[in-house]
C-alpha atoms as a PDB file:
ATOM      1  CA  MET A   1     -10.039   5.333  10.261  1.00  0.00           C
ATOM      2  CA  ALA A   2      -6.847   6.521   7.575  1.00  0.00           C
ATOM      3  CA  LEU A   3      -6.201   9.049  10.049  1.00  0.00           C
ATOM      4  CA  ILE A   4      -5.889   6.856  12.665  1.00  0.00           C
ATOM      5  CA  GLN A   5      -3.690   4.494  11.163  1.00  0.00           C
ATOM      6  CA  LEU A   6      -1.350   7.028   9.846  1.00  0.00           C
ATOM      7  CA  VAL A   7      -0.678   8.925  13.353  1.00  0.00           C
ATOM      8  CA  PHE A   8      -0.515   5.868  14.788  1.00  0.00           C
ATOM      9  CA  ALA A   9       2.107   4.630  11.896  1.00  0.00           C
ATOM     10  CA  VAL A  10       4.193   8.097  12.297  1.00  0.00           C
ATOM     11  CA  ALA A  11       4.406   7.546  16.428  1.00  0.00           C
ATOM     12  CA  LEU A  12       5.443   4.053  16.399  1.00  0.00           C
ATOM     13  CA  ALA A  13       8.145   4.730  13.858  1.00  0.00           C
ATOM     14  CA  LEU A  14       9.247   7.899  15.633  1.00  0.00           C
ATOM     15  CA  PHE A  15       9.530   6.093  18.460  1.00  0.00           C
ATOM     16  CA  SER A  16      11.232   3.056  17.116  1.00  0.00           C
ATOM     17  CA  ILE A  17      13.617   5.434  15.271  1.00  0.00           C
ATOM     18  CA  THR A  18      14.398   7.244  18.877  1.00  0.00           C
ATOM     19  CA  VAL A  19      14.891   3.659  20.225  1.00  0.00           C
ATOM     20  CA  ALA A  20      17.395   2.465  17.453  1.00  0.00           C
ATOM     21  CA  ILE A  21      19.340   6.424  18.167  1.00  0.00           C
ATOM     22  CA  ASN A  22      19.873   5.067  21.781  1.00  0.00           C
ATOM     23  CA  ILE A  23      21.029   2.070  20.986  1.00  0.00           C
ATOM     24  CA  LEU A  24      23.592   3.805  18.634  1.00  0.00           C
ATOM     25  CA  ASN A  25      24.970   6.248  20.842  1.00  0.00           C
ATOM     26  CA  ARG A  26      25.737   3.481  23.426  1.00  0.00           C
ATOM     27  CA  VAL A  27      27.506   1.326  21.107  1.00  0.00           C
ATOM     28  CA  THR A  28      29.380   4.024  19.671  1.00  0.00           C
ATOM     29  CA  LYS A  29      30.361   5.973  22.836  1.00  0.00           C
ATOM     30  CA  ASP A  30      33.096   7.621  21.887  1.00  0.00           C
ATOM     31  CA  VAL A  31      31.778   8.764  18.564  1.00  0.00           C
ATOM     32  CA  ASN A  32      29.201  11.204  19.033  1.00  0.00           C
ATOM     33  CA  GLU A  33      27.169  10.915  15.476  1.00  0.00           C
ATOM     34  CA  PHE A  34      25.558  14.499  15.441  1.00  0.00           C
ATOM     35  CA  GLU A  35      28.864  16.381  16.451  1.00  0.00           C
ATOM     36  CA  GLU A  36      30.617  14.508  13.561  1.00  0.00           C
ATOM     37  CA  ILE A  37      27.734  15.615  11.101  1.00  0.00           C
ATOM     38  CA  ARG A  38      28.446  19.141  12.285  1.00  0.00           C
ATOM     39  CA  LYS A  39      32.025  18.945  11.128  1.00  0.00           C
ATOM     40  CA  LYS A  40      30.384  17.964   7.958  1.00  0.00           C
ATOM     41  CA  ASN A  41      32.120  13.947   8.251  1.00  0.00           C
ATOM     42  CA  LEU A  42      30.258  12.216   5.494  1.00  0.00           C
ATOM     43  CA  ALA A  43      31.276   8.922   6.736  1.00  0.00           C
ATOM     44  CA  GLY A  44      29.585   9.415  10.230  1.00  0.00           C
ATOM     45  CA  ALA A  45      26.291  11.192   8.251  1.00  0.00           C
ATOM     46  CA  TYR A  46      26.139   7.730   6.147  1.00  0.00           C
ATOM     47  CA  MET A  47      25.814   5.593   9.415  1.00  0.00           C
ATOM     48  CA  LEU A  48      23.150   7.306  10.665  1.00  0.00           C
ATOM     49  CA  PHE A  49      21.255   7.332   7.384  1.00  0.00           C
ATOM     50  CA  GLY A  50      22.438   4.154   7.122  1.00  0.00           C
ATOM     51  CA  THR A  51      21.225   3.078  10.888  1.00  0.00           C
ATOM     52  CA  PHE A  52      17.402   5.106   9.493  1.00  0.00           C
ATOM     53  CA  VAL A  53      16.944   2.986   6.162  1.00  0.00           C
ATOM     54  CA  ALA A  54      17.257   0.014   8.506  1.00  0.00           C
ATOM     55  CA  ILE A  55      15.288   0.653  11.142  1.00  0.00           C
ATOM     56  CA  SER A  56      12.652   1.840   8.668  1.00  0.00           C
ATOM     57  CA  LEU A  57      12.580  -1.459   6.550  1.00  0.00           C
ATOM     58  CA  VAL A  58      12.335  -3.629   9.557  1.00  0.00           C
ATOM     59  CA  ILE A  59       9.471  -1.431  11.319  1.00  0.00           C
ATOM     60  CA  SER A  60       7.935  -0.861   8.018  1.00  0.00           C
ATOM     61  CA  GLN A  61       6.079  -4.052   7.977  1.00  0.00           C
ATOM     62  CA  GLY A  62       5.700  -4.281  11.656  1.00  0.00           C
ATOM     63  CA  VAL A  63       3.876  -0.946  11.512  1.00  0.00           C
ATOM     64  CA  SER A  64       1.677  -2.041   9.019  1.00  0.00           C
ATOM     65  CA  PHE A  65       1.208  -5.054  10.609  1.00  0.00           C
ATOM     66  CA  LEU A  66      -0.423  -3.691  13.707  1.00  0.00           C
ATOM     67  CA  SER A  67      -2.197  -0.291  12.997  1.00  0.00           C
ATOM     68  CA  GLU A  68      -4.925  -1.632  11.161  1.00  0.00           C
ATOM     69  CA  PRO A  69      -6.413  -4.005  13.821  1.00  0.00           C
ATOM     70  CA  ILE A  70      -5.886  -0.783  16.460  1.00  0.00           C
ATOM     71  CA  ALA A  71      -6.879   1.555  14.033  1.00  0.00           C
ATOM     72  CA  SER A  72      -9.854  -0.705  13.812  1.00  0.00           C
ATOM     73  CA  ALA A  73     -10.339  -0.781  17.711  1.00  0.00           C
ATOM     74  CA  LEU A  74      -9.716   3.272  18.234  1.00  0.00           C
ATOM     75  CA  ALA A  75     -12.806   3.858  15.281  1.00  0.00           C
ATOM     76  CA  SER A  76     -15.248   1.637  17.034  1.00  0.00           C
ATOM     77  CA  LEU A  77     -14.538   3.835  20.241  1.00  0.00           C
ATOM     78  CA  LEU A  78     -14.881   6.960  18.931  1.00  0.00           C
ATOM     79  CA  SER A  79     -17.349   6.268  16.718  1.00  0.00           C
END
């Protein structure tokens, strides 16, 4: 059951971070964060890192709250 929780949590976290990056790209249309990081611009890297940390902190509680009931439901279906 722990493996199911882990897989679900990782999938949900990756989805949430992808959505957050897409929103950040829409908000900062004139700035390409990944290009700025390639140019060794630390400000762009810090901004992207801060976005990752903020999103991770917000979704960590939601993932733990959602993953337990869904994992138990999936485990009962697989048993």
